[in-house]
Amino acid sequence: MGAVDPDQLRIYCNDHLAASAGGLGLVRRMLAHHSDDQWAQPLRGLHAELREERAALERTMAALGLPASRVKQLLVAVAEKVSRLKPDGRLGRGPLSTVVEFEFLSGAVLLKRAGFETLLGLSEVDRRIDAREMERLVDQADRQHRWLADARREHAAATFGGRPERQDDASDT
């Protein structure tokens, strides 16, 4: 294995850090809509875990001497707000909004998991990375993905019809 290019690692970690800002914004928006239904508590738990994961990534970056790019984080936050303008054939929020939000979060959690898995692999050659923490975060992302995939299927079935049955799980390895 070749030497790690610190610039590439900085960019990679900052991309994941910026994406975490977008994910947190989306979950906050979903909490505003689901403040008093069956999704409120699981979304509050997800929000707390996402904040904790972001802090873990920031600690890892600090341990590696990688500065955080506030510009990337700002750009992703703006993009998350622009994504709210998605037309779904209705004025205001419709059921499609919830389906798309759960789909997006489900996919984003898999990407986040990949980032933690990459850092876990890197921890074998760079002891500044806490391997146990990365293992825990990978496992946490797996659990989050299962829940989000179930929620997505339920919302899709309620919106379009059919049954919310699992067909395949992309996170199974």
N, C-alpha and C. Protein backbone atom coordinates (compact mmCIF):
# COMPACT_ATOMS: atom_id res chain seq x y z
N MET A 1 0.84 -1.17 0.00
CA MET A 1 0.00 0.00 0.00
C MET A 1 0.88 1.24 0.00
N GLY A 2 0.54 2.21 -0.83
CA GLY A 2 1.33 3.43 -0.92
C GLY A 2 1.06 4.36 0.25
N ALA A 3 1.86 5.39 0.33
CA ALA A 3 1.70 6.38 1.39
C ALA A 3 0.39 7.16 1.16
N VAL A 4 -0.23 7.55 2.26
CA VAL A 4 -1.48 8.31 2.20
C VAL A 4 -1.16 9.74 1.78
N ASP A 5 -1.85 10.23 0.79
CA ASP A 5 -1.72 11.62 0.35
C ASP A 5 -2.58 12.48 1.28
N PRO A 6 -1.96 13.30 2.11
CA PRO A 6 -2.74 14.07 3.09
C PRO A 6 -3.74 15.02 2.44
N ASP A 7 -3.43 15.54 1.25
CA ASP A 7 -4.39 16.42 0.56
C ASP A 7 -5.64 15.66 0.14
N GLN A 8 -5.44 14.44 -0.37
CA GLN A 8 -6.58 13.63 -0.77
C GLN A 8 -7.42 13.25 0.45
N LEU A 9 -6.77 12.91 1.55
CA LEU A 9 -7.48 12.54 2.77
C LEU A 9 -8.23 13.75 3.33
N ARG A 10 -7.63 14.92 3.27
CA ARG A 10 -8.29 16.16 3.73
C ARG A 10 -9.55 16.41 2.92
N ILE A 11 -9.45 16.30 1.60
CA ILE A 11 -10.60 16.52 0.73
C ILE A 11 -11.69 15.48 1.04
N TYR A 12 -11.29 14.23 1.15
CA TYR A 12 -12.23 13.14 1.42
C TYR A 12 -12.98 13.36 2.73
N CYS A 13 -12.23 13.65 3.80
CA CYS A 13 -12.86 13.86 5.10
C CYS A 13 -13.75 15.10 5.09
N ASN A 14 -13.32 16.15 4.42
CA ASN A 14 -14.13 17.36 4.34
C ASN A 14 -15.40 17.13 3.54
N ASP A 15 -15.33 16.30 2.51
CA ASP A 15 -16.55 15.97 1.77
C ASP A 15 -17.56 15.28 2.70
N HIS A 16 -17.08 14.35 3.51
CA HIS A 16 -17.97 13.65 4.45
C HIS A 16 -18.46 14.59 5.55
N LEU A 17 -17.60 15.48 6.01
CA LEU A 17 -18.01 16.44 7.03
C LEU A 17 -19.08 17.38 6.48
N ALA A 18 -18.90 17.84 5.26
CA ALA A 18 -19.89 18.72 4.65
C ALA A 18 -21.21 17.99 4.43
N ALA A 19 -21.14 16.75 3.98
CA ALA A 19 -22.36 15.97 3.78
C ALA A 19 -23.11 15.79 5.10
N SER A 20 -22.37 15.69 6.20
CA SER A 20 -23.03 15.54 7.49
C SER A 20 -23.87 16.78 7.81
N ALA A 21 -23.42 17.95 7.40
CA ALA A 21 -24.20 19.18 7.62
C ALA A 21 -25.51 19.11 6.85
N GLY A 22 -25.45 18.61 5.63
CA GLY A 22 -26.67 18.46 4.84
C GLY A 22 -27.62 17.45 5.45
N GLY A 23 -27.09 16.33 5.94
CA GLY A 23 -27.92 15.32 6.58
C GLY A 23 -28.59 15.83 7.84
N LEU A 24 -27.83 16.56 8.64
CA LEU A 24 -28.41 17.14 9.85
C LEU A 24 -29.52 18.13 9.52
N GLY A 25 -29.32 18.93 8.48
CA GLY A 25 -30.35 19.88 8.06
C GLY A 25 -31.62 19.17 7.60
N LEU A 26 -31.44 18.11 6.84
CA LEU A 26 -32.59 17.35 6.35
C LEU A 26 -33.35 16.72 7.51
N VAL A 27 -32.66 16.12 8.46
CA VAL A 27 -33.34 15.49 9.58
C VAL A 27 -34.06 16.55 10.42
N ARG A 28 -33.47 17.73 10.60
CA ARG A 28 -34.15 18.82 11.32
C ARG A 28 -35.45 19.19 10.60
N ARG A 29 -35.39 19.29 9.29
CA ARG A 29 -36.59 19.61 8.50
C ARG A 29 -37.64 18.51 8.65
N MET A 30 -37.20 17.26 8.61
CA MET A 30 -38.14 16.15 8.77
C MET A 30 -38.76 16.15 10.17
N LEU A 31 -37.97 16.50 11.17
CA LEU A 31 -38.50 16.57 12.54
C LEU A 31 -39.60 17.63 12.65
N ALA A 32 -39.44 18.73 11.95
CA ALA A 32 -40.48 19.76 11.98
C ALA A 32 -41.80 19.23 11.41
N HIS A 33 -41.71 18.39 10.41
CA HIS A 33 -42.92 17.81 9.81
C HIS A 33 -43.47 16.65 10.62
N HIS A 34 -42.60 15.87 11.22
CA HIS A 34 -43.01 14.67 11.96
C HIS A 34 -42.92 14.87 13.47
N SER A 35 -43.20 16.07 13.95
CA SER A 35 -42.98 16.39 15.36
C SER A 35 -43.89 15.63 16.31
N ASP A 36 -45.02 15.14 15.83
CA ASP A 36 -45.96 14.49 16.75
C ASP A 36 -46.51 13.17 16.18
N ASP A 37 -45.73 12.51 15.34
CA ASP A 37 -46.20 11.22 14.82
C ASP A 37 -45.21 10.12 15.20
N GLN A 38 -45.43 8.94 14.68
CA GLN A 38 -44.60 7.78 15.05
C GLN A 38 -43.15 7.91 14.64
N TRP A 39 -42.84 8.86 13.77
CA TRP A 39 -41.47 9.02 13.28
C TRP A 39 -40.66 10.00 14.12
N ALA A 40 -41.33 10.75 15.00
CA ALA A 40 -40.65 11.79 15.76
C ALA A 40 -39.51 11.23 16.61
N GLN A 41 -39.79 10.23 17.41
CA GLN A 41 -38.75 9.71 18.31
C GLN A 41 -37.58 9.08 17.55
N PRO A 42 -37.84 8.22 16.55
CA PRO A 42 -36.69 7.67 15.80
C PRO A 42 -35.89 8.77 15.09
N LEU A 43 -36.56 9.79 14.59
CA LEU A 43 -35.83 10.88 13.92
C LEU A 43 -35.02 11.69 14.93
N ARG A 44 -35.56 11.90 16.13
CA ARG A 44 -34.77 12.60 17.17
C ARG A 44 -33.53 11.78 17.52
N GLY A 45 -33.70 10.46 17.63
CA GLY A 45 -32.54 9.61 17.91
C GLY A 45 -31.51 9.66 16.80
N LEU A 46 -32.00 9.62 15.54
CA LEU A 46 -31.09 9.71 14.39
C LEU A 46 -30.35 11.04 14.41
N HIS A 47 -31.06 12.12 14.70
CA HIS A 47 -30.43 13.44 14.73
C HIS A 47 -29.31 13.47 15.77
N ALA A 48 -29.57 12.92 16.95
CA ALA A 48 -28.55 12.89 18.00
C ALA A 48 -27.34 12.05 17.56
N GLU A 49 -27.59 10.92 16.92
CA GLU A 49 -26.48 10.08 16.44
C GLU A 49 -25.69 10.78 15.34
N LEU A 50 -26.38 11.49 14.45
CA LEU A 50 -25.67 12.20 13.39
C LEU A 50 -24.79 13.30 13.96
N ARG A 51 -25.27 14.00 14.98
CA ARG A 51 -24.44 15.02 15.63
C ARG A 51 -23.21 14.38 16.27
N GLU A 52 -23.42 13.24 16.92
CA GLU A 52 -22.30 12.54 17.57
C GLU A 52 -21.31 12.03 16.52
N GLU A 53 -21.80 11.54 15.41
CA GLU A 53 -20.92 11.05 14.34
C GLU A 53 -20.12 12.20 13.73
N ARG A 54 -20.76 13.33 13.58
CA ARG A 54 -20.06 14.51 13.06
C ARG A 54 -18.92 14.89 14.00
N ALA A 55 -19.20 14.88 15.29
CA ALA A 55 -18.16 15.20 16.28
C ALA A 55 -17.03 14.17 16.22
N ALA A 56 -17.36 12.90 16.01
CA ALA A 56 -16.33 11.87 15.90
C ALA A 56 -15.46 12.11 14.67
N LEU A 57 -16.07 12.50 13.57
CA LEU A 57 -15.30 12.80 12.35
C LEU A 57 -14.41 14.03 12.58
N GLU A 58 -14.95 15.04 13.25
CA GLU A 58 -14.14 16.24 13.55
C GLU A 58 -12.95 15.88 14.44
N ARG A 59 -13.17 15.01 15.44
CA ARG A 59 -12.06 14.58 16.31
C ARG A 59 -11.01 13.82 15.51
N THR A 60 -11.48 12.96 14.61
CA THR A 60 -10.55 12.18 13.79
C THR A 60 -9.74 13.11 12.90
N MET A 61 -10.41 14.08 12.29
CA MET A 61 -9.70 15.03 11.43
C MET A 61 -8.67 15.82 12.23
N ALA A 62 -9.05 16.23 13.43
CA ALA A 62 -8.11 16.97 14.29
C ALA A 62 -6.91 16.09 14.65
N ALA A 63 -7.17 14.82 14.97
CA ALA A 63 -6.08 13.91 15.30
C ALA A 63 -5.14 13.72 14.13
N LEU A 64 -5.68 13.79 12.92
CA LEU A 64 -4.87 13.63 11.70
C LEU A 64 -4.26 14.95 11.23
N GLY A 65 -4.60 16.05 11.92
CA GLY A 65 -4.08 17.36 11.52
C GLY A 65 -4.73 17.89 10.25
N LEU A 66 -5.99 17.51 10.01
CA LEU A 66 -6.70 17.93 8.80
C LEU A 66 -7.68 19.05 9.13
N PRO A 67 -7.49 20.24 8.54
CA PRO A 67 -8.40 21.34 8.83
C PRO A 67 -9.77 21.13 8.17
N ALA A 68 -10.80 21.60 8.86
CA ALA A 68 -12.16 21.52 8.31
C ALA A 68 -12.38 22.68 7.35
N SER A 69 -13.04 22.40 6.24
CA SER A 69 -13.37 23.42 5.25
C SER A 69 -14.77 23.95 5.54
N ARG A 70 -14.85 25.13 6.08
CA ARG A 70 -16.16 25.74 6.38
C ARG A 70 -16.87 26.10 5.08
N VAL A 71 -16.13 26.38 4.03
CA VAL A 71 -16.73 26.72 2.74
C VAL A 71 -17.54 25.55 2.21
N LYS A 72 -16.98 24.34 2.25
CA LYS A 72 -17.71 23.15 1.78
C LYS A 72 -18.97 22.93 2.60
N GLN A 73 -18.85 23.11 3.90
CA GLN A 73 -20.01 22.91 4.76
C GLN A 73 -21.11 23.92 4.45
N LEU A 74 -20.71 25.16 4.19
CA LEU A 74 -21.68 26.19 3.83
C LEU A 74 -22.35 25.87 2.50
N LEU A 75 -21.56 25.42 1.52
CA LEU A 75 -22.13 25.08 0.22
C LEU A 75 -23.15 23.95 0.31
N VAL A 76 -22.85 22.95 1.12
CA VAL A 76 -23.79 21.83 1.27
C VAL A 76 -25.04 22.30 2.01
N ALA A 77 -24.89 23.16 3.02
CA ALA A 77 -26.06 23.67 3.74
C ALA A 77 -26.96 24.45 2.80
N VAL A 78 -26.37 25.25 1.92
CA VAL A 78 -27.16 26.00 0.93
C VAL A 78 -27.84 25.03 -0.04
N ALA A 79 -27.12 24.03 -0.50
CA ALA A 79 -27.71 23.04 -1.41
C ALA A 79 -28.87 22.31 -0.76
N GLU A 80 -28.76 22.00 0.53
CA GLU A 80 -29.86 21.33 1.24
C GLU A 80 -31.08 22.22 1.25
N LYS A 81 -30.89 23.51 1.47
CA LYS A 81 -32.03 24.44 1.48
C LYS A 81 -32.64 24.57 0.08
N VAL A 82 -31.82 24.61 -0.94
CA VAL A 82 -32.33 24.69 -2.32
C VAL A 82 -33.11 23.43 -2.67
N SER A 83 -32.70 22.29 -2.14
CA SER A 83 -33.39 21.04 -2.45
C SER A 83 -34.83 21.04 -1.96
N ARG A 84 -35.15 21.92 -1.04
CA ARG A 84 -36.53 22.03 -0.55
C ARG A 84 -37.48 22.54 -1.61
N LEU A 85 -36.94 23.14 -2.66
CA LEU A 85 -37.76 23.71 -3.72
C LEU A 85 -38.23 22.66 -4.72
N LYS A 86 -37.92 21.39 -4.47
CA LYS A 86 -38.27 20.31 -5.38
C LYS A 86 -39.78 20.30 -5.62
N PRO A 87 -40.19 20.50 -6.87
CA PRO A 87 -41.63 20.46 -7.13
C PRO A 87 -42.13 19.01 -7.14
N ASP A 88 -43.23 18.76 -6.43
CA ASP A 88 -43.81 17.42 -6.46
C ASP A 88 -45.28 17.47 -6.87
N GLY A 89 -45.63 18.50 -7.65
CA GLY A 89 -46.98 18.60 -8.16
C GLY A 89 -47.97 19.18 -7.18
N ARG A 90 -47.51 19.71 -6.06
CA ARG A 90 -48.39 20.27 -5.05
C ARG A 90 -47.84 21.59 -4.54
N LEU A 91 -48.74 22.39 -4.04
CA LEU A 91 -48.30 23.56 -3.28
C LEU A 91 -48.10 23.08 -1.86
N GLY A 92 -46.98 23.37 -1.29
CA GLY A 92 -46.69 22.88 0.06
C GLY A 92 -46.12 21.48 0.03
N ARG A 93 -46.14 20.87 1.17
CA ARG A 93 -45.52 19.56 1.35
C ARG A 93 -46.53 18.46 1.04
N GLY A 94 -46.12 17.50 0.24
CA GLY A 94 -46.97 16.37 -0.08
C GLY A 94 -46.34 15.07 0.39
N PRO A 95 -47.06 13.96 0.23
CA PRO A 95 -46.52 12.67 0.69
C PRO A 95 -45.26 12.27 -0.06
N LEU A 96 -45.09 12.72 -1.29
CA LEU A 96 -43.88 12.40 -2.04
C LEU A 96 -42.64 12.97 -1.36
N SER A 97 -42.80 14.12 -0.73
CA SER A 97 -41.66 14.74 -0.02
C SER A 97 -41.09 13.78 1.02
N THR A 98 -41.97 13.13 1.78
CA THR A 98 -41.51 12.21 2.82
C THR A 98 -40.82 11.00 2.22
N VAL A 99 -41.38 10.47 1.13
CA VAL A 99 -40.76 9.32 0.47
C VAL A 99 -39.34 9.68 0.02
N VAL A 100 -39.21 10.81 -0.65
CA VAL A 100 -37.91 11.22 -1.18
C VAL A 100 -36.94 11.50 -0.05
N GLU A 101 -37.39 12.11 1.03
CA GLU A 101 -36.50 12.39 2.16
C GLU A 101 -35.97 11.09 2.77
N PHE A 102 -36.85 10.12 2.98
CA PHE A 102 -36.38 8.85 3.53
C PHE A 102 -35.46 8.12 2.54
N GLU A 103 -35.75 8.22 1.26
CA GLU A 103 -34.85 7.62 0.25
C GLU A 103 -33.48 8.28 0.31
N PHE A 104 -33.47 9.59 0.36
CA PHE A 104 -32.20 10.31 0.39
C PHE A 104 -31.40 9.94 1.63
N LEU A 105 -32.05 9.96 2.80
CA LEU A 105 -31.34 9.63 4.03
C LEU A 105 -30.83 8.19 4.02
N SER A 106 -31.62 7.28 3.48
CA SER A 106 -31.20 5.89 3.41
C SER A 106 -29.92 5.75 2.59
N GLY A 107 -29.89 6.41 1.44
CA GLY A 107 -28.68 6.37 0.61
C GLY A 107 -27.52 7.11 1.25
N ALA A 108 -27.80 8.24 1.88
CA ALA A 108 -26.74 9.03 2.52
C ALA A 108 -26.09 8.25 3.66
N VAL A 109 -26.88 7.47 4.38
CA VAL A 109 -26.31 6.67 5.48
C VAL A 109 -25.36 5.62 4.93
N LEU A 110 -25.67 5.05 3.77
CA LEU A 110 -24.74 4.09 3.17
C LEU A 110 -23.44 4.77 2.76
N LEU A 111 -23.53 5.99 2.25
CA LEU A 111 -22.31 6.73 1.89
C LEU A 111 -21.49 7.07 3.13
N LYS A 112 -22.19 7.48 4.19
CA LYS A 112 -21.51 7.79 5.45
C LYS A 112 -20.82 6.53 5.98
N ARG A 113 -21.51 5.41 5.91
CA ARG A 113 -20.95 4.13 6.36
C ARG A 113 -19.67 3.83 5.61
N ALA A 114 -19.68 4.07 4.30
CA ALA A 114 -18.49 3.83 3.48
C ALA A 114 -17.33 4.70 3.96
N GLY A 115 -17.61 5.94 4.34
CA GLY A 115 -16.56 6.81 4.85
C GLY A 115 -15.95 6.30 6.13
N PHE A 116 -16.81 5.85 7.05
CA PHE A 116 -16.29 5.30 8.30
C PHE A 116 -15.53 4.00 8.05
N GLU A 117 -16.01 3.22 7.11
CA GLU A 117 -15.31 1.97 6.77
C GLU A 117 -13.94 2.26 6.17
N THR A 118 -13.85 3.30 5.35
CA THR A 118 -12.56 3.70 4.78
C THR A 118 -11.60 4.12 5.89
N LEU A 119 -12.10 4.93 6.84
CA LEU A 119 -11.25 5.35 7.96
C LEU A 119 -10.87 4.16 8.84
N LEU A 120 -11.77 3.21 8.98
CA LEU A 120 -11.45 1.99 9.73
C LEU A 120 -10.29 1.26 9.06
N GLY A 121 -10.34 1.13 7.75
CA GLY A 121 -9.23 0.49 7.03
C GLY A 121 -7.94 1.26 7.19
N LEU A 122 -8.02 2.57 7.14
CA LEU A 122 -6.84 3.40 7.29
C LEU A 122 -6.26 3.30 8.70
N SER A 123 -7.13 2.99 9.67
CA SER A 123 -6.65 2.89 11.06
C SER A 123 -5.62 1.78 11.23
N GLU A 124 -5.57 0.84 10.29
CA GLU A 124 -4.57 -0.23 10.37
C GLU A 124 -3.15 0.29 10.13
N VAL A 125 -3.05 1.41 9.41
CA VAL A 125 -1.72 1.97 9.13
C VAL A 125 -1.51 3.33 9.80
N ASP A 126 -2.56 3.89 10.37
CA ASP A 126 -2.45 5.19 11.05
C ASP A 126 -3.17 5.08 12.39
N ARG A 127 -2.40 4.91 13.43
CA ARG A 127 -2.94 4.67 14.78
C ARG A 127 -3.60 5.91 15.38
N ARG A 128 -3.52 7.05 14.71
CA ARG A 128 -4.21 8.24 15.22
C ARG A 128 -5.73 8.09 15.06
N ILE A 129 -6.15 7.15 14.22
CA ILE A 129 -7.57 6.90 14.01
C ILE A 129 -8.02 5.83 14.99
N ASP A 130 -9.08 6.10 15.72
CA ASP A 130 -9.61 5.17 16.72
C ASP A 130 -10.41 4.08 16.01
N ALA A 131 -9.81 2.92 15.86
CA ALA A 131 -10.44 1.80 15.13
C ALA A 131 -11.74 1.35 15.79
N ARG A 132 -11.75 1.29 17.11
CA ARG A 132 -12.98 0.86 17.80
C ARG A 132 -14.13 1.82 17.54
N GLU A 133 -13.81 3.10 17.54
CA GLU A 133 -14.86 4.08 17.27
C GLU A 133 -15.37 3.94 15.83
N MET A 134 -14.46 3.72 14.89
CA MET A 134 -14.89 3.55 13.50
C MET A 134 -15.74 2.28 13.34
N GLU A 135 -15.37 1.21 14.01
CA GLU A 135 -16.18 -0.02 13.97
C GLU A 135 -17.57 0.24 14.52
N ARG A 136 -17.65 0.96 15.62
CA ARG A 136 -18.94 1.29 16.22
C ARG A 136 -19.79 2.14 15.28
N LEU A 137 -19.16 3.09 14.62
CA LEU A 137 -19.89 3.97 13.71
C LEU A 137 -20.37 3.22 12.46
N VAL A 138 -19.59 2.26 11.99
CA VAL A 138 -20.03 1.41 10.87
C VAL A 138 -21.25 0.61 11.30
N ASP A 139 -21.19 0.00 12.48
CA ASP A 139 -22.33 -0.77 12.98
C ASP A 139 -23.56 0.11 13.18
N GLN A 140 -23.35 1.30 13.70
CA GLN A 140 -24.45 2.24 13.91
C GLN A 140 -25.09 2.62 12.57
N ALA A 141 -24.27 2.86 11.56
CA ALA A 141 -24.80 3.19 10.24
C ALA A 141 -25.60 2.02 9.67
N ASP A 142 -25.16 0.80 9.91
CA ASP A 142 -25.92 -0.37 9.45
C ASP A 142 -27.31 -0.38 10.09
N ARG A 143 -27.37 -0.14 11.38
CA ARG A 143 -28.66 -0.11 12.09
C ARG A 143 -29.53 1.03 11.57
N GLN A 144 -28.93 2.20 11.38
CA GLN A 144 -29.68 3.35 10.86
C GLN A 144 -30.25 3.03 9.47
N HIS A 145 -29.43 2.41 8.64
CA HIS A 145 -29.89 2.10 7.29
C HIS A 145 -31.07 1.13 7.30
N ARG A 146 -31.01 0.13 8.15
CA ARG A 146 -32.14 -0.81 8.24
C ARG A 146 -33.42 -0.08 8.61
N TRP A 147 -33.35 0.79 9.61
CA TRP A 147 -34.54 1.54 10.03
C TRP A 147 -35.03 2.46 8.91
N LEU A 148 -34.12 3.21 8.31
CA LEU A 148 -34.51 4.14 7.25
C LEU A 148 -35.09 3.41 6.04
N ALA A 149 -34.53 2.27 5.70
CA ALA A 149 -35.05 1.50 4.57
C ALA A 149 -36.47 1.01 4.87
N ASP A 150 -36.70 0.56 6.10
CA ASP A 150 -38.06 0.14 6.48
C ASP A 150 -39.03 1.32 6.41
N ALA A 151 -38.61 2.48 6.94
CA ALA A 151 -39.46 3.67 6.91
C ALA A 151 -39.73 4.10 5.47
N ARG A 152 -38.71 4.05 4.64
CA ARG A 152 -38.87 4.42 3.23
C ARG A 152 -39.88 3.51 2.55
N ARG A 153 -39.77 2.22 2.77
CA ARG A 153 -40.71 1.27 2.16
C ARG A 153 -42.14 1.53 2.63
N GLU A 154 -42.30 1.80 3.91
CA GLU A 154 -43.63 2.07 4.46
C GLU A 154 -44.24 3.32 3.84
N HIS A 155 -43.45 4.38 3.73
CA HIS A 155 -43.96 5.62 3.13
C HIS A 155 -44.24 5.45 1.64
N ALA A 156 -43.38 4.72 0.96
CA ALA A 156 -43.61 4.48 -0.47
C ALA A 156 -44.90 3.69 -0.69
N ALA A 157 -45.14 2.68 0.13
CA ALA A 157 -46.36 1.88 0.00
C ALA A 157 -47.59 2.73 0.31
N ALA A 158 -47.49 3.59 1.33
CA ALA A 158 -48.62 4.46 1.67
C ALA A 158 -48.89 5.48 0.56
N THR A 159 -47.86 5.93 -0.11
CA THR A 159 -48.00 6.94 -1.16
C THR A 159 -48.44 6.35 -2.48
N PHE A 160 -47.85 5.22 -2.86
CA PHE A 160 -48.08 4.66 -4.20
C PHE A 160 -48.92 3.39 -4.20
N GLY A 161 -49.10 2.78 -3.04
CA GLY A 161 -49.82 1.52 -2.96
C GLY A 161 -48.85 0.36 -2.87
N GLY A 162 -49.39 -0.82 -2.74
CA GLY A 162 -48.55 -2.00 -2.63
C GLY A 162 -48.16 -2.27 -1.20
N ARG A 163 -47.26 -3.21 -1.04
CA ARG A 163 -46.82 -3.62 0.29
C ARG A 163 -45.40 -3.14 0.55
N PRO A 164 -45.11 -2.83 1.81
CA PRO A 164 -43.77 -2.35 2.15
C PRO A 164 -42.79 -3.49 2.43
N GLU A 165 -42.73 -4.43 1.54
CA GLU A 165 -41.86 -5.59 1.76
C GLU A 165 -40.45 -5.33 1.26
N ARG A 166 -39.51 -5.88 2.01
CA ARG A 166 -38.10 -5.76 1.65
C ARG A 166 -37.81 -6.71 0.48
N GLN A 167 -37.16 -6.18 -0.53
CA GLN A 167 -36.78 -6.99 -1.70
C GLN A 167 -35.33 -7.45 -1.60
N ASP A 168 -34.48 -6.55 -1.19
CA ASP A 168 -33.06 -6.83 -1.09
C ASP A 168 -32.48 -5.77 -0.17
N ASP A 169 -31.39 -6.04 0.44
CA ASP A 169 -30.76 -5.06 1.31
C ASP A 169 -29.35 -4.81 0.80
N ALA A 170 -29.16 -3.64 0.24
CA ALA A 170 -27.87 -3.30 -0.37
C ALA A 170 -26.75 -3.27 0.64
N SER A 171 -27.07 -3.14 1.92
CA SER A 171 -25.99 -3.06 2.91
C SER A 171 -25.56 -4.42 3.41
N ASP A 172 -26.26 -5.51 3.01
CA ASP A 172 -25.81 -6.84 3.40
C ASP A 172 -24.50 -7.15 2.74
N THR A 173 -23.56 -7.68 3.52
CA THR A 173 -22.26 -8.05 2.94
C THR A 173 -21.92 -9.46 3.30
